[in-house]
Amino acid sequence: EAGAKRTAEKAEEARAAAASAIDSTVKTAAAALHAGRMNEVIGPLEKALETEGSGPRAAQMHYLVGIAYSKGNQLDKAVSHLSAAVTGDVTEEDARYQLASALDREGQWGKARGEYDKFATAHPQSSYAVFAMRRSATLARMPAIAPWNTPAPAKPAAPKAAAPAAAAPTSGSASAR
């Protein structure tokens, strides 16, 4: 019984140390993000997300990584992380707005419009709300997906070469007259 208790205590100490390390990583990454040092945000937080993929700080880490990817114009990764942050109920008020902005820049206008609307409805007093409503109204007049994001149509099969006899002019053709 004493051995089991000691093992449980060591496990709890290890969890506390890991949580402290993750807290430190999140604080350092947030400071680096505000200072514009994106390379100091992504790597450490992605490692921390591997450790604590669904823990209490996961939404905050996804938010920070998503913002860093967005600022680095890696929009597909930004959308993925910001979606995870919004789904995880991150405490940052502008998370949904940032997701809408990344979707908008990526050319997913239909999804962006929905996120702008949700943001403006949930946070009408935010300084971003007016822009979100205006951008949503603009996107309402646009296709759901930007033209550069739509898949190219399949190329039609090349027509078969005409037989040589069919290529020869006939007596009734315009060139024979």
N, C-alpha and C. Protein backbone atom coordinates (compact mmCIF):
# COMPACT_ATOMS: atom_id res chain seq x y z
N GLU A 1 0.82 -1.18 0.00
CA GLU A 1 0.00 0.00 0.00
C GLU A 1 0.88 1.26 0.00
N ALA A 2 1.94 1.26 0.76
CA ALA A 2 2.84 2.41 0.82
C ALA A 2 3.54 2.61 -0.53
N GLY A 3 3.88 1.50 -1.21
CA GLY A 3 4.53 1.59 -2.52
C GLY A 3 3.58 2.16 -3.57
N ALA A 4 2.32 1.76 -3.52
CA ALA A 4 1.33 2.28 -4.45
C ALA A 4 1.09 3.77 -4.22
N LYS A 5 1.10 4.16 -2.94
CA LYS A 5 0.90 5.56 -2.61
C LYS A 5 2.05 6.41 -3.13
N ARG A 6 3.27 5.89 -2.97
CA ARG A 6 4.47 6.61 -3.44
C ARG A 6 4.47 6.71 -4.97
N THR A 7 4.05 5.66 -5.64
CA THR A 7 3.98 5.67 -7.10
C THR A 7 2.96 6.71 -7.57
N ALA A 8 1.82 6.78 -6.90
CA ALA A 8 0.79 7.75 -7.23
C ALA A 8 1.29 9.17 -7.00
N GLU A 9 2.05 9.38 -5.92
CA GLU A 9 2.61 10.70 -5.64
C GLU A 9 3.60 11.10 -6.73
N LYS A 10 4.46 10.15 -7.16
CA LYS A 10 5.42 10.45 -8.22
C LYS A 10 4.71 10.78 -9.53
N ALA A 11 3.65 10.05 -9.83
CA ALA A 11 2.89 10.32 -11.05
C ALA A 11 2.26 11.70 -10.99
N GLU A 12 1.74 12.07 -9.83
CA GLU A 12 1.14 13.40 -9.67
C GLU A 12 2.19 14.50 -9.80
N GLU A 13 3.38 14.27 -9.25
CA GLU A 13 4.48 15.23 -9.38
C GLU A 13 4.88 15.38 -10.84
N ALA A 14 4.92 14.28 -11.57
CA ALA A 14 5.29 14.32 -12.99
C ALA A 14 4.23 15.10 -13.78
N ARG A 15 2.95 14.87 -13.47
CA ARG A 15 1.88 15.61 -14.15
C ARG A 15 1.97 17.10 -13.84
N ALA A 16 2.26 17.44 -12.60
CA ALA A 16 2.38 18.84 -12.21
C ALA A 16 3.57 19.50 -12.91
N ALA A 17 4.68 18.78 -13.02
CA ALA A 17 5.85 19.32 -13.72
C ALA A 17 5.55 19.52 -15.20
N ALA A 18 4.86 18.56 -15.80
CA ALA A 18 4.50 18.69 -17.22
C ALA A 18 3.55 19.87 -17.42
N ALA A 19 2.59 20.03 -16.53
CA ALA A 19 1.64 21.14 -16.63
C ALA A 19 2.36 22.47 -16.48
N SER A 20 3.32 22.53 -15.56
CA SER A 20 4.09 23.74 -15.37
C SER A 20 4.91 24.07 -16.61
N ALA A 21 5.50 23.04 -17.21
CA ALA A 21 6.29 23.24 -18.44
C ALA A 21 5.40 23.74 -19.57
N ILE A 22 4.20 23.18 -19.67
CA ILE A 22 3.28 23.61 -20.73
C ILE A 22 2.82 25.04 -20.48
N ASP A 23 2.52 25.38 -19.24
CA ASP A 23 2.13 26.76 -18.90
C ASP A 23 3.23 27.73 -19.28
N SER A 24 4.46 27.36 -18.98
CA SER A 24 5.61 28.20 -19.32
C SER A 24 5.73 28.35 -20.84
N THR A 25 5.53 27.26 -21.56
CA THR A 25 5.62 27.28 -23.02
C THR A 25 4.54 28.19 -23.60
N VAL A 26 3.32 28.10 -23.06
CA VAL A 26 2.22 28.93 -23.55
C VAL A 26 2.52 30.41 -23.29
N LYS A 27 3.01 30.74 -22.10
CA LYS A 27 3.32 32.14 -21.78
C LYS A 27 4.43 32.67 -22.68
N THR A 28 5.47 31.86 -22.88
CA THR A 28 6.59 32.27 -23.74
C THR A 28 6.12 32.46 -25.18
N ALA A 29 5.28 31.54 -25.65
CA ALA A 29 4.78 31.62 -27.02
C ALA A 29 3.88 32.84 -27.21
N ALA A 30 3.04 33.14 -26.23
CA ALA A 30 2.18 34.32 -26.32
C ALA A 30 3.01 35.59 -26.38
N ALA A 31 4.06 35.66 -25.60
CA ALA A 31 4.95 36.83 -25.62
C ALA A 31 5.67 36.93 -26.96
N ALA A 32 6.11 35.80 -27.49
CA ALA A 32 6.80 35.79 -28.79
C ALA A 32 5.84 36.21 -29.91
N LEU A 33 4.59 35.77 -29.83
CA LEU A 33 3.59 36.13 -30.83
C LEU A 33 3.37 37.64 -30.83
N HIS A 34 3.22 38.21 -29.65
CA HIS A 34 3.01 39.65 -29.54
C HIS A 34 4.23 40.44 -30.00
N ALA A 35 5.41 39.83 -29.89
CA ALA A 35 6.63 40.49 -30.34
C ALA A 35 6.92 40.24 -31.82
N GLY A 36 6.09 39.39 -32.46
CA GLY A 36 6.27 39.12 -33.89
C GLY A 36 7.29 38.05 -34.22
N ARG A 37 7.69 37.26 -33.25
CA ARG A 37 8.68 36.19 -33.48
C ARG A 37 7.94 34.87 -33.68
N MET A 38 7.38 34.68 -34.88
CA MET A 38 6.53 33.52 -35.16
C MET A 38 7.27 32.19 -35.03
N ASN A 39 8.56 32.17 -35.39
CA ASN A 39 9.32 30.91 -35.31
C ASN A 39 9.46 30.41 -33.88
N GLU A 40 9.28 31.29 -32.90
CA GLU A 40 9.36 30.88 -31.50
C GLU A 40 8.00 30.43 -30.96
N VAL A 41 6.97 30.52 -31.78
CA VAL A 41 5.62 30.15 -31.35
C VAL A 41 5.27 28.74 -31.81
N ILE A 42 5.43 28.49 -33.08
CA ILE A 42 4.91 27.27 -33.70
C ILE A 42 5.56 26.01 -33.17
N GLY A 43 6.87 25.91 -33.25
CA GLY A 43 7.57 24.69 -32.85
C GLY A 43 7.29 24.24 -31.42
N PRO A 44 7.55 25.11 -30.45
CA PRO A 44 7.31 24.70 -29.05
C PRO A 44 5.85 24.35 -28.75
N LEU A 45 4.92 25.09 -29.32
CA LEU A 45 3.52 24.80 -29.03
C LEU A 45 3.04 23.52 -29.72
N GLU A 46 3.55 23.25 -30.90
CA GLU A 46 3.16 21.99 -31.55
C GLU A 46 3.69 20.79 -30.76
N LYS A 47 4.89 20.93 -30.18
CA LYS A 47 5.40 19.86 -29.31
C LYS A 47 4.52 19.73 -28.06
N ALA A 48 4.13 20.84 -27.51
CA ALA A 48 3.27 20.81 -26.33
C ALA A 48 1.90 20.21 -26.66
N LEU A 49 1.41 20.47 -27.87
CA LEU A 49 0.13 19.88 -28.29
C LEU A 49 0.23 18.37 -28.43
N GLU A 50 1.41 17.89 -28.82
CA GLU A 50 1.61 16.44 -28.89
C GLU A 50 1.51 15.84 -27.49
N THR A 51 2.02 16.56 -26.50
CA THR A 51 1.97 16.10 -25.11
C THR A 51 0.57 16.19 -24.55
N GLU A 52 -0.07 17.33 -24.78
CA GLU A 52 -1.40 17.58 -24.22
C GLU A 52 -2.36 17.97 -25.33
N GLY A 53 -2.71 17.01 -26.15
CA GLY A 53 -3.57 17.28 -27.30
C GLY A 53 -4.98 17.68 -26.96
N SER A 54 -5.49 17.23 -25.82
CA SER A 54 -6.88 17.55 -25.48
C SER A 54 -7.01 18.04 -24.04
N GLY A 55 -5.95 18.52 -23.48
CA GLY A 55 -5.98 19.00 -22.09
C GLY A 55 -6.63 20.36 -21.97
N PRO A 56 -6.60 20.92 -20.77
CA PRO A 56 -7.28 22.19 -20.52
C PRO A 56 -6.65 23.39 -21.25
N ARG A 57 -5.40 23.29 -21.64
CA ARG A 57 -4.74 24.39 -22.34
C ARG A 57 -4.65 24.17 -23.84
N ALA A 58 -5.20 23.09 -24.35
CA ALA A 58 -5.09 22.75 -25.77
C ALA A 58 -5.73 23.82 -26.66
N ALA A 59 -6.91 24.32 -26.28
CA ALA A 59 -7.58 25.33 -27.10
C ALA A 59 -6.73 26.60 -27.20
N GLN A 60 -6.14 27.01 -26.08
CA GLN A 60 -5.27 28.19 -26.08
C GLN A 60 -4.05 27.96 -26.97
N MET A 61 -3.47 26.78 -26.92
CA MET A 61 -2.30 26.48 -27.75
C MET A 61 -2.68 26.47 -29.22
N HIS A 62 -3.83 25.87 -29.55
CA HIS A 62 -4.29 25.86 -30.95
C HIS A 62 -4.51 27.29 -31.45
N TYR A 63 -5.08 28.13 -30.59
CA TYR A 63 -5.31 29.52 -30.95
C TYR A 63 -3.99 30.22 -31.29
N LEU A 64 -3.01 30.11 -30.41
CA LEU A 64 -1.73 30.78 -30.63
C LEU A 64 -1.03 30.26 -31.88
N VAL A 65 -1.03 28.94 -32.08
CA VAL A 65 -0.40 28.37 -33.28
C VAL A 65 -1.15 28.82 -34.53
N GLY A 66 -2.49 28.84 -34.45
CA GLY A 66 -3.28 29.28 -35.60
C GLY A 66 -2.99 30.72 -35.99
N ILE A 67 -2.86 31.58 -34.99
CA ILE A 67 -2.53 32.98 -35.27
C ILE A 67 -1.15 33.08 -35.91
N ALA A 68 -0.20 32.34 -35.39
CA ALA A 68 1.16 32.37 -35.95
C ALA A 68 1.16 31.88 -37.40
N TYR A 69 0.45 30.79 -37.67
CA TYR A 69 0.37 30.30 -39.05
C TYR A 69 -0.33 31.32 -39.95
N SER A 70 -1.37 31.96 -39.44
CA SER A 70 -2.09 32.95 -40.22
C SER A 70 -1.18 34.13 -40.57
N LYS A 71 -0.42 34.58 -39.60
CA LYS A 71 0.50 35.69 -39.87
C LYS A 71 1.62 35.28 -40.82
N GLY A 72 1.94 33.99 -40.83
CA GLY A 72 2.95 33.47 -41.75
C GLY A 72 2.36 33.06 -43.10
N ASN A 73 1.08 33.34 -43.31
CA ASN A 73 0.36 33.05 -44.55
C ASN A 73 0.29 31.56 -44.88
N GLN A 74 0.30 30.72 -43.86
CA GLN A 74 0.09 29.29 -44.03
C GLN A 74 -1.35 29.01 -43.62
N LEU A 75 -2.26 29.41 -44.49
CA LEU A 75 -3.67 29.49 -44.14
C LEU A 75 -4.33 28.14 -43.88
N ASP A 76 -3.92 27.09 -44.59
CA ASP A 76 -4.54 25.79 -44.34
C ASP A 76 -4.26 25.31 -42.93
N LYS A 77 -3.05 25.51 -42.46
CA LYS A 77 -2.69 25.13 -41.09
C LYS A 77 -3.36 26.06 -40.09
N ALA A 78 -3.45 27.34 -40.43
CA ALA A 78 -4.10 28.31 -39.56
C ALA A 78 -5.57 27.94 -39.35
N VAL A 79 -6.25 27.60 -40.44
CA VAL A 79 -7.67 27.24 -40.35
C VAL A 79 -7.84 26.01 -39.47
N SER A 80 -6.97 25.03 -39.64
CA SER A 80 -7.06 23.79 -38.86
C SER A 80 -6.92 24.09 -37.36
N HIS A 81 -5.92 24.86 -37.00
CA HIS A 81 -5.68 25.15 -35.58
C HIS A 81 -6.74 26.09 -35.00
N LEU A 82 -7.15 27.09 -35.77
CA LEU A 82 -8.16 28.02 -35.26
C LEU A 82 -9.52 27.31 -35.12
N SER A 83 -9.81 26.38 -36.02
CA SER A 83 -11.05 25.59 -35.88
C SER A 83 -11.02 24.77 -34.60
N ALA A 84 -9.86 24.17 -34.32
CA ALA A 84 -9.71 23.39 -33.09
C ALA A 84 -9.85 24.29 -31.86
N ALA A 85 -9.34 25.51 -31.94
CA ALA A 85 -9.44 26.45 -30.82
C ALA A 85 -10.90 26.84 -30.57
N VAL A 86 -11.63 27.14 -31.64
CA VAL A 86 -13.04 27.52 -31.51
C VAL A 86 -13.85 26.35 -30.99
N THR A 87 -13.59 25.16 -31.51
CA THR A 87 -14.29 23.96 -31.05
C THR A 87 -14.00 23.69 -29.58
N GLY A 88 -12.77 23.97 -29.15
CA GLY A 88 -12.37 23.76 -27.76
C GLY A 88 -12.76 24.89 -26.83
N ASP A 89 -13.56 25.84 -27.30
CA ASP A 89 -14.02 26.97 -26.49
C ASP A 89 -12.88 27.78 -25.90
N VAL A 90 -11.98 28.22 -26.74
CA VAL A 90 -10.88 29.07 -26.29
C VAL A 90 -11.45 30.34 -25.68
N THR A 91 -10.75 30.89 -24.72
CA THR A 91 -11.26 32.07 -24.02
C THR A 91 -11.08 33.36 -24.81
N GLU A 92 -10.23 33.37 -25.83
CA GLU A 92 -9.99 34.57 -26.62
C GLU A 92 -11.26 34.93 -27.39
N GLU A 93 -11.72 36.15 -27.21
CA GLU A 93 -12.95 36.61 -27.84
C GLU A 93 -12.85 36.62 -29.36
N ASP A 94 -11.67 36.92 -29.89
CA ASP A 94 -11.53 37.08 -31.32
C ASP A 94 -11.17 35.80 -32.07
N ALA A 95 -11.20 34.65 -31.43
CA ALA A 95 -10.81 33.40 -32.09
C ALA A 95 -11.68 33.12 -33.32
N ARG A 96 -12.97 33.28 -33.19
CA ARG A 96 -13.86 33.02 -34.33
C ARG A 96 -13.62 34.05 -35.43
N TYR A 97 -13.34 35.29 -35.06
CA TYR A 97 -13.03 36.31 -36.06
C TYR A 97 -11.74 35.95 -36.81
N GLN A 98 -10.73 35.50 -36.07
CA GLN A 98 -9.47 35.10 -36.71
C GLN A 98 -9.69 33.92 -37.64
N LEU A 99 -10.54 32.97 -37.24
CA LEU A 99 -10.87 31.84 -38.11
C LEU A 99 -11.56 32.34 -39.37
N ALA A 100 -12.52 33.24 -39.22
CA ALA A 100 -13.23 33.79 -40.38
C ALA A 100 -12.25 34.50 -41.32
N SER A 101 -11.34 35.25 -40.75
CA SER A 101 -10.35 35.97 -41.56
C SER A 101 -9.46 35.01 -42.34
N ALA A 102 -9.01 33.94 -41.69
CA ALA A 102 -8.16 32.95 -42.38
C ALA A 102 -8.95 32.25 -43.48
N LEU A 103 -10.20 31.89 -43.21
CA LEU A 103 -11.04 31.26 -44.24
C LEU A 103 -11.25 32.23 -45.41
N ASP A 104 -11.48 33.48 -45.10
CA ASP A 104 -11.69 34.52 -46.11
C ASP A 104 -10.45 34.64 -47.00
N ARG A 105 -9.29 34.74 -46.40
CA ARG A 105 -8.05 34.88 -47.16
C ARG A 105 -7.73 33.62 -47.95
N GLU A 106 -8.20 32.48 -47.46
CA GLU A 106 -7.96 31.22 -48.16
C GLU A 106 -8.93 31.03 -49.33
N GLY A 107 -9.96 31.86 -49.40
CA GLY A 107 -10.92 31.78 -50.50
C GLY A 107 -12.12 30.91 -50.20
N GLN A 108 -12.30 30.52 -48.96
CA GLN A 108 -13.48 29.74 -48.56
C GLN A 108 -14.54 30.73 -48.07
N TRP A 109 -15.08 31.48 -49.01
CA TRP A 109 -15.92 32.61 -48.67
C TRP A 109 -17.23 32.22 -48.01
N GLY A 110 -17.82 31.12 -48.38
CA GLY A 110 -19.07 30.69 -47.76
C GLY A 110 -18.88 30.38 -46.28
N LYS A 111 -17.83 29.63 -45.97
CA LYS A 111 -17.53 29.31 -44.57
C LYS A 111 -17.13 30.56 -43.80
N ALA A 112 -16.35 31.43 -44.44
CA ALA A 112 -15.92 32.67 -43.78
C ALA A 112 -17.13 33.53 -43.42
N ARG A 113 -18.09 33.61 -44.34
CA ARG A 113 -19.28 34.42 -44.06
C ARG A 113 -20.01 33.89 -42.83
N GLY A 114 -20.15 32.59 -42.74
CA GLY A 114 -20.81 32.00 -41.57
C GLY A 114 -20.08 32.32 -40.28
N GLU A 115 -18.77 32.25 -40.31
CA GLU A 115 -17.98 32.55 -39.10
C GLU A 115 -18.03 34.03 -38.75
N TYR A 116 -18.01 34.91 -39.77
CA TYR A 116 -18.14 36.35 -39.49
C TYR A 116 -19.49 36.63 -38.83
N ASP A 117 -20.56 36.00 -39.35
CA ASP A 117 -21.89 36.20 -38.77
C ASP A 117 -21.95 35.71 -37.32
N LYS A 118 -21.40 34.53 -37.07
CA LYS A 118 -21.41 33.99 -35.70
C LYS A 118 -20.63 34.90 -34.76
N PHE A 119 -19.51 35.42 -35.23
CA PHE A 119 -18.69 36.31 -34.40
C PHE A 119 -19.46 37.59 -34.08
N ALA A 120 -20.02 38.23 -35.11
CA ALA A 120 -20.71 39.51 -34.91
C ALA A 120 -21.92 39.34 -34.00
N THR A 121 -22.58 38.20 -34.09
CA THR A 121 -23.74 37.95 -33.23
C THR A 121 -23.32 37.72 -31.79
N ALA A 122 -22.23 36.97 -31.60
CA ALA A 122 -21.77 36.64 -30.25
C ALA A 122 -21.07 37.81 -29.56
N HIS A 123 -20.46 38.70 -30.34
CA HIS A 123 -19.68 39.80 -29.76
C HIS A 123 -20.04 41.13 -30.43
N PRO A 124 -21.26 41.60 -30.27
CA PRO A 124 -21.67 42.83 -30.96
C PRO A 124 -20.93 44.08 -30.50
N GLN A 125 -20.34 44.05 -29.31
CA GLN A 125 -19.62 45.23 -28.81
C GLN A 125 -18.14 45.23 -29.19
N SER A 126 -17.68 44.16 -29.82
CA SER A 126 -16.28 44.07 -30.21
C SER A 126 -15.96 45.11 -31.28
N SER A 127 -14.73 45.57 -31.26
CA SER A 127 -14.31 46.53 -32.28
C SER A 127 -14.26 45.88 -33.67
N TYR A 128 -14.22 44.55 -33.72
CA TYR A 128 -14.19 43.83 -35.00
C TYR A 128 -15.59 43.54 -35.54
N ALA A 129 -16.63 43.73 -34.74
CA ALA A 129 -17.99 43.33 -35.13
C ALA A 129 -18.48 44.07 -36.38
N VAL A 130 -18.23 45.36 -36.47
CA VAL A 130 -18.70 46.13 -37.63
C VAL A 130 -18.02 45.61 -38.89
N PHE A 131 -16.72 45.40 -38.83
CA PHE A 131 -16.03 44.85 -40.00
C PHE A 131 -16.58 43.47 -40.35
N ALA A 132 -16.80 42.63 -39.35
CA ALA A 132 -17.32 41.28 -39.59
C ALA A 132 -18.67 41.34 -40.29
N MET A 133 -19.55 42.24 -39.87
CA MET A 133 -20.86 42.36 -40.51
C MET A 133 -20.73 42.86 -41.94
N ARG A 134 -19.87 43.85 -42.15
CA ARG A 134 -19.68 44.39 -43.51
C ARG A 134 -19.05 43.35 -44.43
N ARG A 135 -18.06 42.64 -43.92
CA ARG A 135 -17.41 41.63 -44.76
C ARG A 135 -18.37 40.50 -45.08
N SER A 136 -19.20 40.12 -44.13
CA SER A 136 -20.20 39.09 -44.35
C SER A 136 -21.17 39.51 -45.46
N ALA A 137 -21.59 40.78 -45.43
CA ALA A 137 -22.49 41.28 -46.46
C ALA A 137 -21.82 41.27 -47.83
N THR A 138 -20.55 41.60 -47.87
CA THR A 138 -19.82 41.55 -49.14
C THR A 138 -19.71 40.12 -49.64
N LEU A 139 -19.39 39.20 -48.74
CA LEU A 139 -19.23 37.80 -49.13
C LEU A 139 -20.55 37.18 -49.57
N ALA A 140 -21.68 37.75 -49.15
CA ALA A 140 -22.97 37.24 -49.57
C ALA A 140 -23.17 37.37 -51.07
N ARG A 141 -22.47 38.30 -51.69
CA ARG A 141 -22.58 38.52 -53.13
C ARG A 141 -21.53 37.74 -53.92
N MET A 142 -20.74 36.94 -53.25
CA MET A 142 -19.66 36.22 -53.90
C MET A 142 -19.94 34.72 -53.87
N PRO A 143 -19.23 33.97 -54.72
CA PRO A 143 -19.43 32.51 -54.69
C PRO A 143 -18.90 31.94 -53.37
N ALA A 144 -19.35 30.74 -53.03
CA ALA A 144 -18.94 30.12 -51.76
C ALA A 144 -17.45 29.83 -51.73
N ILE A 145 -16.89 29.55 -52.89
CA ILE A 145 -15.46 29.25 -52.99
C ILE A 145 -14.86 30.18 -54.04
N ALA A 146 -13.72 30.75 -53.73
CA ALA A 146 -13.05 31.66 -54.65
C ALA A 146 -12.71 30.95 -55.95
N PRO A 147 -12.75 31.67 -57.06
CA PRO A 147 -12.45 31.04 -58.35
C PRO A 147 -11.09 30.35 -58.40
N TRP A 148 -10.12 30.89 -57.69
CA TRP A 148 -8.79 30.26 -57.73
C TRP A 148 -8.74 28.98 -56.89
N ASN A 149 -9.76 28.74 -56.08
CA ASN A 149 -9.81 27.53 -55.26
C ASN A 149 -10.67 26.43 -55.86
N THR A 150 -11.39 26.74 -56.92
CA THR A 150 -12.25 25.72 -57.51
C THR A 150 -11.39 24.77 -58.32
N PRO A 151 -11.70 23.49 -58.28
CA PRO A 151 -10.91 22.54 -59.06
C PRO A 151 -11.08 22.81 -60.55
N ALA A 152 -10.02 22.62 -61.29
CA ALA A 152 -10.05 22.83 -62.74
C ALA A 152 -10.93 21.76 -63.37
N PRO A 153 -11.71 22.15 -64.37
CA PRO A 153 -12.54 21.15 -65.03
C PRO A 153 -11.66 20.13 -65.74
N ALA A 154 -12.17 18.94 -65.84
CA ALA A 154 -11.41 17.88 -66.51
C ALA A 154 -11.27 18.23 -67.98
N LYS A 155 -10.10 17.99 -68.53
CA LYS A 155 -9.87 18.28 -69.94
C LYS A 155 -10.63 17.26 -70.77
N PRO A 156 -11.31 17.74 -71.81
CA PRO A 156 -12.01 16.78 -72.67
C PRO A 156 -11.01 15.91 -73.40
N ALA A 157 -11.44 14.71 -73.74
CA ALA A 157 -10.56 13.80 -74.47
C ALA A 157 -10.28 14.39 -75.84
N ALA A 158 -9.07 14.24 -76.29
CA ALA A 158 -8.68 14.75 -77.59
C ALA A 158 -9.49 14.03 -78.67
N PRO A 159 -9.99 14.81 -79.64
CA PRO A 159 -10.76 14.15 -80.69
C PRO A 159 -9.87 13.21 -81.49
N LYS A 160 -10.47 12.14 -81.94
CA LYS A 160 -9.71 11.17 -82.74
C LYS A 160 -9.42 11.79 -84.09
N ALA A 161 -8.28 11.46 -84.63
CA ALA A 161 -7.89 11.99 -85.93
C ALA A 161 -8.86 11.46 -86.99
N ALA A 162 -9.23 12.34 -87.89
CA ALA A 162 -10.18 11.96 -88.93
C ALA A 162 -9.47 11.03 -89.93
N ALA A 163 -10.23 10.16 -90.47
CA ALA A 163 -9.68 9.25 -91.47
C ALA A 163 -9.30 10.06 -92.70
N PRO A 164 -8.22 9.68 -93.43
CA PRO A 164 -7.78 10.46 -94.59
C PRO A 164 -8.86 10.62 -95.64
N ALA A 165 -9.71 9.63 -95.83
CA ALA A 165 -10.74 9.73 -96.86
C ALA A 165 -11.76 10.80 -96.48
N ALA A 166 -12.04 10.98 -95.20
CA ALA A 166 -13.00 11.97 -94.76
C ALA A 166 -12.45 13.37 -94.89
N ALA A 167 -11.15 13.53 -94.91
CA ALA A 167 -10.54 14.84 -95.01
C ALA A 167 -10.54 15.37 -96.43
N ALA A 168 -10.69 14.51 -97.41
CA ALA A 168 -10.66 14.95 -98.82
C ALA A 168 -11.95 15.69 -99.14
N PRO A 169 -11.83 16.80 -99.87
CA PRO A 169 -13.02 17.57 -100.20
C PRO A 169 -13.93 16.77 -101.16
N THR A 170 -15.19 16.98 -100.98
CA THR A 170 -16.15 16.34 -101.88
C THR A 170 -16.59 17.30 -102.92
N SER A 171 -17.25 16.84 -103.93
CA SER A 171 -17.66 17.69 -105.04
C SER A 171 -18.69 18.75 -104.59
N GLY A 172 -19.41 18.46 -103.50
CA GLY A 172 -20.44 19.39 -103.04
C GLY A 172 -19.92 20.38 -102.02
N SER A 173 -18.66 20.36 -101.71
CA SER A 173 -18.14 21.25 -100.67
C SER A 173 -17.90 22.63 -101.22
N ALA A 174 -17.78 23.59 -100.37
CA ALA A 174 -17.58 24.99 -100.77
C ALA A 174 -16.23 25.17 -101.44
N SER A 175 -15.23 24.38 -101.08
CA SER A 175 -13.91 24.56 -101.67
C SER A 175 -13.85 24.03 -103.10
N ALA A 176 -14.76 23.17 -103.48
CA ALA A 176 -14.75 22.61 -104.84
C ALA A 176 -15.45 23.56 -105.78
N ARG A 177 -16.16 24.50 -105.33
CA ARG A 177 -16.93 25.40 -106.22
C ARG A 177 -16.09 26.47 -106.77
